PDB file of N, CA and C in Angstrom:
ATOM      1  N   MET A   1     -48.083 -41.171  60.219  1.00  0.00           N
ATOM      2  CA  MET A   1     -48.575 -40.517  61.404  1.00  0.00           C
ATOM      3  C   MET A   1     -47.416 -40.372  62.389  1.00  0.00           C
ATOM      4  N   LYS A   2     -47.322 -39.228  63.009  1.00  0.00           N
ATOM      5  CA  LYS A   2     -46.230 -38.941  63.934  1.00  0.00           C
ATOM      6  C   LYS A   2     -46.543 -39.515  65.312  1.00  0.00           C
ATOM      7  N   GLN A   3     -45.544 -40.125  65.928  1.00  0.00           N
ATOM      8  CA  GLN A   3     -45.690 -40.671  67.281  1.00  0.00           C
ATOM      9  C   GLN A   3     -45.218 -39.623  68.278  1.00  0.00           C
ATOM     10  N   SER A   4     -46.011 -39.382  69.302  1.00  0.00           N
ATOM     11  CA  SER A   4     -45.636 -38.386  70.311  1.00  0.00           C
ATOM     12  C   SER A   4     -44.482 -38.914  71.158  1.00  0.00           C
ATOM     13  N   ARG A   5     -43.816 -38.000  71.832  1.00  0.00           N
ATOM     14  CA  ARG A   5     -42.723 -38.394  72.726  1.00  0.00           C
ATOM     15  C   ARG A   5     -43.239 -39.296  73.838  1.00  0.00           C
ATOM     16  N   LEU A   6     -44.415 -38.964  74.376  1.00  0.00           N
ATOM     17  CA  LEU A   6     -44.982 -39.776  75.454  1.00  0.00           C
ATOM     18  C   LEU A   6     -45.249 -41.200  74.978  1.00  0.00           C
ATOM     19  N   MET A   7     -45.841 -41.350  73.800  1.00  0.00           N
ATOM     20  CA  MET A   7     -46.122 -42.697  73.296  1.00  0.00           C
ATOM     21  C   MET A   7     -44.828 -43.432  72.947  1.00  0.00           C
ATOM     22  N   SER A   8     -43.811 -42.707  72.525  1.00  0.00           N
ATOM     23  CA  SER A   8     -42.499 -43.329  72.303  1.00  0.00           C
ATOM     24  C   SER A   8     -41.977 -43.916  73.607  1.00  0.00           C
ATOM     25  N   LEU A   9     -42.107 -43.158  74.680  1.00  0.00           N
ATOM     26  CA  LEU A   9     -41.647 -43.634  75.978  1.00  0.00           C
ATOM     27  C   LEU A   9     -42.479 -44.817  76.451  1.00  0.00           C
ATOM     28  N   VAL A  10     -43.798 -44.749  76.296  1.00  0.00           N
ATOM     29  CA  VAL A  10     -44.682 -45.852  76.716  1.00  0.00           C
ATOM     30  C   VAL A  10     -44.325 -47.128  75.958  1.00  0.00           C
ATOM     31  N   GLU A  11     -44.130 -47.019  74.665  1.00  0.00           N
ATOM     32  CA  GLU A  11     -43.771 -48.196  73.858  1.00  0.00           C
ATOM     33  C   GLU A  11     -42.427 -48.765  74.294  1.00  0.00           C
ATOM     34  N   SER A  12     -41.466 -47.891  74.527  1.00  0.00           N
ATOM     35  CA  SER A  12     -40.139 -48.335  74.955  1.00  0.00           C
ATOM     36  C   SER A  12     -40.199 -49.044  76.298  1.00  0.00           C
ATOM     37  N   VAL A  13     -40.951 -48.488  77.233  1.00  0.00           N
ATOM     38  CA  VAL A  13     -41.069 -49.083  78.562  1.00  0.00           C
ATOM     39  C   VAL A  13     -41.749 -50.456  78.473  1.00  0.00           C
ATOM     40  N   ALA A  14     -42.827 -50.556  77.695  1.00  0.00           N
ATOM     41  CA  ALA A  14     -43.516 -51.844  77.541  1.00  0.00           C
ATOM     42  C   ALA A  14     -42.579 -52.895  76.951  1.00  0.00           C
ATOM     43  N   ASN A  15     -41.814 -52.497  75.958  1.00  0.00           N
ATOM     44  CA  ASN A  15     -40.862 -53.406  75.326  1.00  0.00           C
ATOM     45  C   ASN A  15     -39.813 -53.879  76.323  1.00  0.00           C
ATOM     46  N   VAL A  16     -39.324 -52.976  77.144  1.00  0.00           N
ATOM     47  CA  VAL A  16     -38.259 -53.309  78.080  1.00  0.00           C
ATOM     48  C   VAL A  16     -38.784 -54.152  79.242  1.00  0.00           C
ATOM     49  N   ILE A  17     -40.019 -53.926  79.664  1.00  0.00           N
ATOM     50  CA  ILE A  17     -40.588 -54.747  80.741  1.00  0.00           C
ATOM     51  C   ILE A  17     -40.638 -56.214  80.312  1.00  0.00           C
ATOM     52  N   VAL A  18     -41.069 -56.445  79.096  1.00  0.00           N
ATOM     53  CA  VAL A  18     -41.078 -57.824  78.583  1.00  0.00           C
ATOM     54  C   VAL A  18     -39.640 -58.342  78.505  1.00  0.00           C
ATOM     55  N   GLY A  19     -38.734 -57.500  78.021  1.00  0.00           N
ATOM     56  CA  GLY A  19     -37.333 -57.890  77.928  1.00  0.00           C
ATOM     57  C   GLY A  19     -36.713 -58.179  79.286  1.00  0.00           C
ATOM     58  N   TYR A  20     -37.150 -57.465  80.318  1.00  0.00           N
ATOM     59  CA  TYR A  20     -36.644 -57.680  81.675  1.00  0.00           C
ATOM     60  C   TYR A  20     -36.891 -59.118  82.123  1.00  0.00           C
ATOM     61  N   GLY A  21     -38.113 -59.587  81.940  1.00  0.00           N
ATOM     62  CA  GLY A  21     -38.429 -60.968  82.316  1.00  0.00           C
ATOM     63  C   GLY A  21     -37.591 -61.974  81.551  1.00  0.00           C
ATOM     64  N   VAL A  22     -37.453 -61.746  80.263  1.00  0.00           N
ATOM     65  CA  VAL A  22     -36.642 -62.639  79.437  1.00  0.00           C
ATOM     66  C   VAL A  22     -35.181 -62.610  79.898  1.00  0.00           C
ATOM     67  N   ALA A  23     -34.671 -61.413  80.211  1.00  0.00           N
ATOM     68  CA  ALA A  23     -33.274 -61.277  80.631  1.00  0.00           C
ATOM     69  C   ALA A  23     -33.011 -61.995  81.947  1.00  0.00           C
ATOM     70  N   VAL A  24     -33.907 -61.837  82.915  1.00  0.00           N
ATOM     71  CA  VAL A  24     -33.697 -62.474  84.227  1.00  0.00           C
ATOM     72  C   VAL A  24     -33.711 -63.995  84.082  1.00  0.00           C
ATOM     73  N   VAL A  25     -34.662 -64.511  83.325  1.00  0.00           N
ATOM     74  CA  VAL A  25     -34.716 -65.965  83.106  1.00  0.00           C
ATOM     75  C   VAL A  25     -33.453 -66.430  82.385  1.00  0.00           C
ATOM     76  N   THR A  26     -33.014 -65.668  81.401  1.00  0.00           N
ATOM     77  CA  THR A  26     -31.793 -66.027  80.668  1.00  0.00           C
ATOM     78  C   THR A  26     -30.584 -66.038  81.594  1.00  0.00           C
ATOM     79  N   GLN A  27     -30.471 -65.028  82.467  1.00  0.00           N
ATOM     80  CA  GLN A  27     -29.359 -64.988  83.423  1.00  0.00           C
ATOM     81  C   GLN A  27     -29.386 -66.219  84.325  1.00  0.00           C
ATOM     82  N   ILE A  28     -30.554 -66.575  84.804  1.00  0.00           N
ATOM     83  CA  ILE A  28     -30.678 -67.732  85.705  1.00  0.00           C
ATOM     84  C   ILE A  28     -30.223 -69.009  85.008  1.00  0.00           C
ATOM     85  N   VAL A  29     -30.517 -69.118  83.724  1.00  0.00           N
ATOM     86  CA  VAL A  29     -30.168 -70.328  82.978  1.00  0.00           C
ATOM     87  C   VAL A  29     -28.710 -70.305  82.513  1.00  0.00           C
ATOM     88  N   ILE A  30     -28.245 -69.166  82.011  1.00  0.00           N
ATOM     89  CA  ILE A  30     -26.939 -69.100  81.350  1.00  0.00           C
ATOM     90  C   ILE A  30     -25.769 -68.863  82.303  1.00  0.00           C
ATOM     91  N   PHE A  31     -25.959 -68.045  83.334  1.00  0.00           N
ATOM     92  CA  PHE A  31     -24.839 -67.745  84.235  1.00  0.00           C
ATOM     93  C   PHE A  31     -24.147 -69.000  84.768  1.00  0.00           C
ATOM     94  N   PRO A  32     -24.883 -69.995  85.240  1.00  0.00           N
ATOM     95  CA  PRO A  32     -24.198 -71.197  85.756  1.00  0.00           C
ATOM     96  C   PRO A  32     -23.350 -71.912  84.699  1.00  0.00           C
ATOM     97  N   VAL A  33     -23.739 -71.803  83.444  1.00  0.00           N
ATOM     98  CA  VAL A  33     -22.957 -72.422  82.366  1.00  0.00           C
ATOM     99  C   VAL A  33     -21.548 -71.819  82.330  1.00  0.00           C
ATOM    100  N   PHE A  34     -21.433 -70.545  82.691  1.00  0.00           N
ATOM    101  CA  PHE A  34     -20.145 -69.855  82.697  1.00  0.00           C
ATOM    102  C   PHE A  34     -19.517 -69.800  84.088  1.00  0.00           C
ATOM    103  N   GLY A  35     -20.057 -70.570  84.994  1.00  0.00           N
ATOM    104  CA  GLY A  35     -19.494 -70.634  86.332  1.00  0.00           C
ATOM    105  C   GLY A  35     -19.878 -69.463  87.228  1.00  0.00           C
ATOM    106  N   LEU A  36     -20.871 -68.706  86.844  1.00  0.00           N
ATOM    107  CA  LEU A  36     -21.340 -67.571  87.649  1.00  0.00           C
ATOM    108  C   LEU A  36     -22.560 -68.020  88.447  1.00  0.00           C
ATOM    109  N   HIS A  37     -22.462 -67.935  89.744  1.00  0.00           N
ATOM    110  CA  HIS A  37     -23.562 -68.369  90.593  1.00  0.00           C
ATOM    111  C   HIS A  37     -24.094 -67.165  91.355  1.00  0.00           C
ATOM    112  N   THR A  38     -25.318 -66.785  91.030  1.00  0.00           N
ATOM    113  CA  THR A  38     -25.934 -65.610  91.639  1.00  0.00           C
ATOM    114  C   THR A  38     -27.271 -65.994  92.256  1.00  0.00           C
ATOM    115  N   THR A  39     -27.689 -65.204  93.212  1.00  0.00           N
ATOM    116  CA  THR A  39     -28.992 -65.439  93.835  1.00  0.00           C
ATOM    117  C   THR A  39     -30.076 -64.805  92.964  1.00  0.00           C
ATOM    118  N   LEU A  40     -31.315 -65.160  93.249  1.00  0.00           N
ATOM    119  CA  LEU A  40     -32.430 -64.555  92.517  1.00  0.00           C
ATOM    120  C   LEU A  40     -32.432 -63.041  92.731  1.00  0.00           C
ATOM    121  N   ALA A  41     -32.171 -62.601  93.964  1.00  0.00           N
ATOM    122  CA  ALA A  41     -32.147 -61.163  94.247  1.00  0.00           C
ATOM    123  C   ALA A  41     -31.073 -60.455  93.415  1.00  0.00           C
ATOM    124  N   GLN A  42     -29.910 -61.068  93.287  1.00  0.00           N
ATOM    125  CA  GLN A  42     -28.849 -60.474  92.476  1.00  0.00           C
ATOM    126  C   GLN A  42     -29.255 -60.399  91.008  1.00  0.00           C
ATOM    127  N   ASN A  43     -29.876 -61.470  90.522  1.00  0.00           N
ATOM    128  CA  ASN A  43     -30.344 -61.469  89.129  1.00  0.00           C
ATOM    129  C   ASN A  43     -31.386 -60.374  88.900  1.00  0.00           C
ATOM    130  N   LEU A  44     -32.287 -60.200  89.848  1.00  0.00           N
ATOM    131  CA  LEU A  44     -33.322 -59.176  89.711  1.00  0.00           C
ATOM    132  C   LEU A  44     -32.703 -57.775  89.727  1.00  0.00           C
ATOM    133  N   LYS A  45     -31.707 -57.562  90.591  1.00  0.00           N
ATOM    134  CA  LYS A  45     -31.047 -56.254  90.657  1.00  0.00           C
ATOM    135  C   LYS A  45     -30.266 -55.964  89.376  1.00  0.00           C
ATOM    136  N   MET A  46     -29.518 -56.950  88.891  1.00  0.00           N
ATOM    137  CA  MET A  46     -28.776 -56.748  87.639  1.00  0.00           C
ATOM    138  C   MET A  46     -29.735 -56.480  86.493  1.00  0.00           C
ATOM    139  N   GLY A  47     -30.824 -57.233  86.468  1.00  0.00           N
ATOM    140  CA  GLY A  47     -31.835 -57.017  85.438  1.00  0.00           C
ATOM    141  C   GLY A  47     -32.410 -55.609  85.498  1.00  0.00           C
ATOM    142  N   ALA A  48     -32.604 -55.079  86.712  1.00  0.00           N
ATOM    143  CA  ALA A  48     -33.142 -53.732  86.874  1.00  0.00           C
ATOM    144  C   ALA A  48     -32.186 -52.675  86.317  1.00  0.00           C
ATOM    145  N   VAL A  49     -30.904 -52.843  86.585  1.00  0.00           N
ATOM    146  CA  VAL A  49     -29.908 -51.892  86.067  1.00  0.00           C
ATOM    147  C   VAL A  49     -29.915 -51.915  84.539  1.00  0.00           C
ATOM    148  N   PHE A  50     -29.852 -53.120  83.975  1.00  0.00           N
ATOM    149  CA  PHE A  50     -29.855 -53.225  82.513  1.00  0.00           C
ATOM    150  C   PHE A  50     -31.166 -52.710  81.918  1.00  0.00           C
ATOM    151  N   THR A  51     -32.256 -52.859  82.643  1.00  0.00           N
ATOM    152  CA  THR A  51     -33.545 -52.370  82.174  1.00  0.00           C
ATOM    153  C   THR A  51     -33.546 -50.848  82.077  1.00  0.00           C
ATOM    154  N   LEU A  52     -33.036 -50.167  83.086  1.00  0.00           N
ATOM    155  CA  LEU A  52     -32.974 -48.699  83.046  1.00  0.00           C
ATOM    156  C   LEU A  52     -32.117 -48.209  81.883  1.00  0.00           C
ATOM    157  N   VAL A  53     -30.993 -48.871  81.676  1.00  0.00           N
ATOM    158  CA  VAL A  53     -30.124 -48.508  80.553  1.00  0.00           C
ATOM    159  C   VAL A  53     -30.854 -48.754  79.228  1.00  0.00           C
ATOM    160  N   SER A  54     -31.568 -49.846  79.151  1.00  0.00           N
ATOM    161  CA  SER A  54     -32.289 -50.196  77.930  1.00  0.00           C
ATOM    162  C   SER A  54     -33.409 -49.207  77.626  1.00  0.00           C
ATOM    163  N   ILE A  55     -34.120 -48.748  78.651  1.00  0.00           N
ATOM    164  CA  ILE A  55     -35.185 -47.760  78.438  1.00  0.00           C
ATOM    165  C   ILE A  55     -34.592 -46.474  77.869  1.00  0.00           C
ATOM    166  N   ALA A  56     -33.519 -46.001  78.458  1.00  0.00           N
ATOM    167  CA  ALA A  56     -32.882 -44.773  77.979  1.00  0.00           C
ATOM    168  C   ALA A  56     -32.390 -44.937  76.540  1.00  0.00           C
ATOM    169  N   ARG A  57     -31.754 -46.055  76.262  1.00  0.00           N
ATOM    170  CA  ARG A  57     -31.242 -46.309  74.911  1.00  0.00           C
ATOM    171  C   ARG A  57     -32.370 -46.381  73.892  1.00  0.00           C
ATOM    172  N   SER A  58     -33.402 -47.126  74.207  1.00  0.00           N
ATOM    173  CA  SER A  58     -34.524 -47.300  73.292  1.00  0.00           C
ATOM    174  C   SER A  58     -35.235 -45.977  73.015  1.00  0.00           C
ATOM    175  N   PHE A  59     -35.455 -45.191  74.057  1.00  0.00           N
ATOM    176  CA  PHE A  59     -36.114 -43.899  73.899  1.00  0.00           C
ATOM    177  C   PHE A  59     -35.274 -42.957  73.039  1.00  0.00           C
ATOM    178  N   ALA A  60     -33.981 -42.892  73.318  1.00  0.00           N
ATOM    179  CA  ALA A  60     -33.093 -42.005  72.562  1.00  0.00           C
ATOM    180  C   ALA A  60     -33.051 -42.398  71.087  1.00  0.00           C
ATOM    181  N   LEU A  61     -32.925 -43.679  70.811  1.00  0.00           N
ATOM    182  CA  LEU A  61     -32.892 -44.128  69.413  1.00  0.00           C
ATOM    183  C   LEU A  61     -34.214 -43.841  68.699  1.00  0.00           C
ATOM    184  N   ARG A  62     -35.317 -44.047  69.383  1.00  0.00           N
ATOM    185  CA  ARG A  62     -36.622 -43.784  68.774  1.00  0.00           C
ATOM    186  C   ARG A  62     -36.748 -42.302  68.423  1.00  0.00           C
ATOM    187  N   ARG A  63     -36.267 -41.418  69.303  1.00  0.00           N
ATOM    188  CA  ARG A  63     -36.344 -39.981  69.033  1.00  0.00           C
ATOM    189  C   ARG A  63     -35.439 -39.601  67.859  1.00  0.00           C
ATOM    190  N   VAL A  64     -34.258 -40.228  67.761  1.00  0.00           N
ATOM    191  CA  VAL A  64     -33.369 -39.961  66.631  1.00  0.00           C
ATOM    192  C   VAL A  64     -34.050 -40.363  65.327  1.00  0.00           C
ATOM    193  N   PHE A  65     -34.634 -41.552  65.297  1.00  0.00           N
ATOM    194  CA  PHE A  65     -35.294 -42.011  64.073  1.00  0.00           C
ATOM    195  C   PHE A  65     -36.529 -41.179  63.754  1.00  0.00           C
ATOM    196  N   GLU A  66     -37.237 -40.709  64.767  1.00  0.00           N
ATOM    197  CA  GLU A  66     -38.382 -39.829  64.528  1.00  0.00           C
ATOM    198  C   GLU A  66     -37.911 -38.504  63.932  1.00  0.00           C
ATOM    199  N   ALA A  67     -36.811 -37.963  64.435  1.00  0.00           N
ATOM    200  CA  ALA A  67     -36.269 -36.722  63.882  1.00  0.00           C
ATOM    201  C   ALA A  67     -35.845 -36.913  62.430  1.00  0.00           C
ATOM    202  N   ILE A  68     -35.245 -38.051  62.125  1.00  0.00           N
ATOM    203  CA  ILE A  68     -34.856 -38.352  60.740  1.00  0.00           C
ATOM    204  C   ILE A  68     -36.091 -38.434  59.858  1.00  0.00           C
ATOM    205  N   ARG A  69     -37.132 -39.096  60.349  1.00  0.00           N
ATOM    206  CA  ARG A  69     -38.358 -39.244  59.565  1.00  0.00           C
ATOM    207  C   ARG A  69     -38.987 -37.878  59.293  1.00  0.00           C
ATOM    208  N   VAL A  70     -39.073 -37.042  60.313  1.00  0.00           N
ATOM    209  CA  VAL A  70     -39.678 -35.719  60.160  1.00  0.00           C
ATOM    210  C   VAL A  70     -38.858 -34.878  59.195  1.00  0.00           C
ATOM    211  N   ARG A  71     -37.546 -34.918  59.363  1.00  0.00           N
ATOM    212  CA  ARG A  71     -36.667 -34.130  58.496  1.00  0.00           C
ATOM    213  C   ARG A  71     -36.769 -34.583  57.043  1.00  0.00           C
ATOM    214  N   SER A  72     -36.864 -35.893  56.812  1.00  0.00           N
ATOM    215  CA  SER A  72     -36.907 -36.395  55.435  1.00  0.00           C
ATOM    216  C   SER A  72     -38.277 -36.180  54.794  1.00  0.00           C
ATOM    217  N   SER A  73     -39.327 -35.992  55.581  1.00  0.00           N
ATOM    218  CA  SER A  73     -40.657 -35.794  55.004  1.00  0.00           C
ATOM    219  C   SER A  73     -41.004 -34.325  54.814  1.00  0.00           C
ATOM    220  N   SER A  74     -40.194 -33.413  55.358  1.00  0.00           N
ATOM    221  CA  SER A  74     -40.483 -31.985  55.188  1.00  0.00           C
ATOM    222  C   SER A  74     -39.990 -31.540  53.816  1.00  0.00           C
ATOM    223  N   PRO A  75     -40.765 -30.653  53.176  1.00  0.00           N
ATOM    224  CA  PRO A  75     -40.353 -30.199  51.840  1.00  0.00           C
ATOM    225  C   PRO A  75     -39.058 -29.404  51.913  1.00  0.00           C
ATOM    226  N   ARG A  76     -38.227 -29.625  50.948  1.00  0.00           N
ATOM    227  CA  ARG A  76     -36.943 -28.921  50.911  1.00  0.00           C
ATOM    228  C   ARG A  76     -36.998 -27.829  49.845  1.00  0.00           C
ATOM    229  N   ILE A  77     -36.390 -26.725  50.157  1.00  0.00           N
ATOM    230  CA  ILE A  77     -36.300 -25.629  49.203  1.00  0.00           C
ATOM    231  C   ILE A  77     -34.994 -25.790  48.451  1.00  0.00           C
ATOM    232  N   PRO A  78     -35.080 -25.936  47.132  1.00  0.00           N
ATOM    233  CA  PRO A  78     -33.841 -26.159  46.374  1.00  0.00           C
ATOM    234  C   PRO A  78     -32.948 -24.922  46.411  1.00  0.00           C
ATOM    235  N   ARG A  79     -31.668 -25.171  46.469  1.00  0.00           N
ATOM    236  CA  ARG A  79     -30.692 -24.082  46.433  1.00  0.00           C
ATOM    237  C   ARG A  79     -30.554 -23.590  45.000  1.00  0.00           C
ATOM    238  N   THR A  80     -30.386 -22.301  44.870  1.00  0.00           N
ATOM    239  CA  THR A  80     -30.118 -21.753  43.542  1.00  0.00           C
ATOM    240  C   THR A  80     -28.719 -21.175  43.535  1.00  0.00           C
ATOM    241  N   LYS A  81     -28.053 -21.359  42.426  1.00  0.00           N
ATOM    242  CA  LYS A  81     -26.711 -20.804  42.310  1.00  0.00           C
ATOM    243  C   LYS A  81     -26.844 -19.337  41.953  1.00  0.00           C
ATOM    244  N   SER A  82     -26.030 -18.521  42.559  1.00  0.00           N
ATOM    245  CA  SER A  82     -26.067 -17.099  42.220  1.00  0.00           C
ATOM    246  C   SER A  82     -25.321 -16.902  40.916  1.00  0.00           C
ATOM    247  N   LEU A  83     -25.860 -16.000  40.128  1.00  0.00           N
ATOM    248  CA  LEU A  83     -25.244 -15.697  38.842  1.00  0.00           C
ATOM    249  C   LEU A  83     -24.043 -14.795  39.039  1.00  0.00           C
ATOM    250  N   PRO A  84     -23.033 -14.948  38.207  1.00  0.00           N
ATOM    251  CA  PRO A  84     -21.870 -14.070  38.341  1.00  0.00           C
ATOM    252  C   PRO A  84     -22.251 -12.611  38.094  1.00  0.00           C
ATOM    253  N   LYS A  85     -21.614 -11.727  38.817  1.00  0.00           N
ATOM    254  CA  LYS A  85     -21.899 -10.295  38.659  1.00  0.00           C
ATOM    255  C   LYS A  85     -21.297  -9.789  37.356  1.00  0.00           C
ATOM    256  N   GLU A  86     -22.059  -8.934  36.711  1.00  0.00           N
ATOM    257  CA  GLU A  86     -21.546  -8.325  35.498  1.00  0.00           C
ATOM    258  C   GLU A  86     -20.670  -7.143  35.858  1.00  0.00           C
ATOM    259  N   GLY A  87     -19.663  -6.934  35.102  1.00  0.00           N
ATOM    260  CA  GLY A  87     -18.934  -5.731  35.403  1.00  0.00           C
ATOM    261  C   GLY A  87     -17.552  -5.804  35.092  1.00  0.00           C
TER     262      GLY A  87
END
């Protein structure tokens, strides 16, 4: 069954929203290990930027794979070799 562009976007956004929460919590835990000290507001802003990039990336990749799927499922017309001309 083919997935519409709108549903591709909805799925991508839902996936990234969950990822946003995981990313912000990860930043809060991991940044101090590397000596990076940021405020909650900074973590939320960085997470927002990465989230927008992630939505665009996820949507674009999903459309590429959908195009591949559609192209591979469409019937192909076999090429025929032309016969040499007599003469």
